[in-house]
Amino acid sequence: MSEWWQDDRERPSPVAVPHTELSAEALRGVVESFVLREGTDYGERDVSHEQKVAQVIRQLERGEAQIMFDPLDSSVTIVSVTPGDLRKSGEKQ
C-alpha cells in the first residue's frame, strides 16, 4: 500500500466559499477556528481573541482574505488574497 504522499490520484482543487454565503454563526465559527489554529504573532502589543476575529472578518469583507474548502479532507481555512486574485466561487482554474 502506498503512503499518502505517494498517492497518484488527482487531488480536487479547493473551493472558494464566499463569506456572505455563511450564516453569521457559521462565519464566526470558521473565523474563530482559523484564529485559534494560526497563532499569528501580532507584534509588541497583545491582541485579544475578539480583536483577531474582528480583524479577519474585516479582511473577508474587504476582499483581502477568502474562505477555502478542501474537499479532499473536508477542511476549511482562510487565505490572504491580493486584489484581482480573488476567484469567484465555482470559477474554473
Protein backbone atom coordinates (compact mmCIF):
# COMPACT_ATOMS: atom_id res chain seq x y z
CA MET A 1 0.00 0.00 0.00
CA SER A 2 1.41 3.38 -0.95
CA GLU A 3 1.83 6.20 1.53
CA TRP A 4 -0.48 9.23 1.29
CA TRP A 5 2.27 11.43 -0.17
CA GLN A 6 2.84 8.90 -2.93
CA ASP A 7 -0.84 8.85 -3.88
CA ASP A 8 -1.10 9.36 -7.65
CA ARG A 9 -4.80 10.20 -7.62
CA GLU A 10 -5.71 13.64 -8.81
CA ARG A 11 -6.31 15.97 -5.90
CA PRO A 12 -9.51 18.03 -6.17
CA SER A 13 -8.93 21.76 -6.07
CA PRO A 14 -10.01 23.74 -3.01
CA VAL A 15 -13.27 25.64 -3.45
CA ALA A 16 -13.69 29.31 -2.60
CA VAL A 17 -16.60 29.88 -0.23
CA PRO A 18 -17.99 33.43 -0.22
CA HIS A 19 -18.23 34.60 3.39
CA THR A 20 -21.61 36.13 2.53
CA GLU A 21 -22.98 32.62 1.91
CA LEU A 22 -22.45 31.60 5.54
CA SER A 23 -24.75 32.40 8.43
CA ALA A 24 -23.31 34.81 11.00
CA GLU A 25 -22.88 31.89 13.40
CA ALA A 26 -21.11 29.69 10.84
CA LEU A 27 -18.84 32.55 9.74
CA ARG A 28 -17.84 33.27 13.32
CA GLY A 29 -17.11 29.57 13.90
CA VAL A 30 -14.89 29.37 10.80
CA VAL A 31 -13.01 32.55 11.74
CA GLU A 32 -12.58 31.54 15.40
CA SER A 33 -11.23 28.15 14.37
CA PHE A 34 -8.79 29.82 11.98
CA VAL A 35 -7.61 32.34 14.59
CA LEU A 36 -7.04 29.59 17.16
CA ARG A 37 -5.05 27.48 14.65
CA GLU A 38 -2.91 30.28 13.31
CA GLY A 39 -1.29 31.60 16.48
CA THR A 40 -0.12 34.61 14.48
CA ASP A 41 2.38 36.98 16.07
CA TYR A 42 0.75 40.39 16.36
CA GLY A 43 3.93 42.20 17.37
CA GLU A 44 4.74 44.10 20.54
CA ARG A 45 1.17 44.56 21.76
CA ASP A 46 -1.28 41.92 22.84
CA VAL A 47 -4.34 41.47 20.65
CA SER A 48 -7.38 39.81 22.20
CA HIS A 49 -9.11 36.85 20.60
CA GLU A 50 -12.12 39.09 19.86
CA GLN A 51 -9.90 41.65 18.13
CA LYS A 52 -8.27 38.96 16.00
CA VAL A 53 -11.67 37.57 14.99
CA ALA A 54 -12.90 41.08 14.10
CA GLN A 55 -9.75 41.74 12.04
CA VAL A 56 -10.20 38.56 10.00
CA ILE A 57 -13.90 39.29 9.40
CA ARG A 58 -12.98 42.79 8.17
CA GLN A 59 -10.37 41.26 5.83
CA LEU A 60 -13.04 38.94 4.42
CA GLU A 61 -15.43 41.87 3.95
CA ARG A 62 -12.76 43.93 2.17
CA GLY A 63 -11.80 41.04 -0.11
CA GLU A 64 -8.32 40.74 1.40
CA ALA A 65 -9.00 37.18 2.56
CA GLN A 66 -11.01 34.23 1.25
CA ILE A 67 -12.50 31.16 2.89
CA MET A 68 -11.38 27.96 1.15
CA PHE A 69 -12.90 24.49 1.50
CA ASP A 70 -10.70 21.47 0.75
CA PRO A 71 -12.96 18.65 -0.48
CA LEU A 72 -10.23 16.02 -0.04
CA ASP A 73 -10.11 16.29 3.73
CA SER A 74 -13.27 18.39 4.30
CA SER A 75 -11.27 21.16 5.95
CA VAL A 76 -11.77 24.91 5.83
CA THR A 77 -9.12 27.60 6.03
CA ILE A 78 -8.76 31.29 5.30
CA VAL A 79 -6.13 32.57 2.90
CA SER A 80 -4.87 36.04 2.07
CA VAL A 81 -5.57 37.30 -1.42
CA THR A 82 -4.36 40.28 -3.36
CA PRO A 83 -6.88 42.45 -5.21
CA GLY A 84 -7.70 40.92 -8.57
CA ASP A 85 -6.70 37.39 -7.47
CA LEU A 86 -9.98 36.62 -5.74
CA ARG A 87 -11.72 33.86 -7.67
CA LYS A 88 -15.46 33.69 -7.73
CA SER A 89 -16.90 30.58 -6.16
CA GLY A 90 -17.28 27.93 -8.82
CA GLU A 91 -14.90 29.60 -11.29
CA LYS A 92 -12.72 27.08 -13.13
CA GLN A 93 -8.99 27.45 -12.73
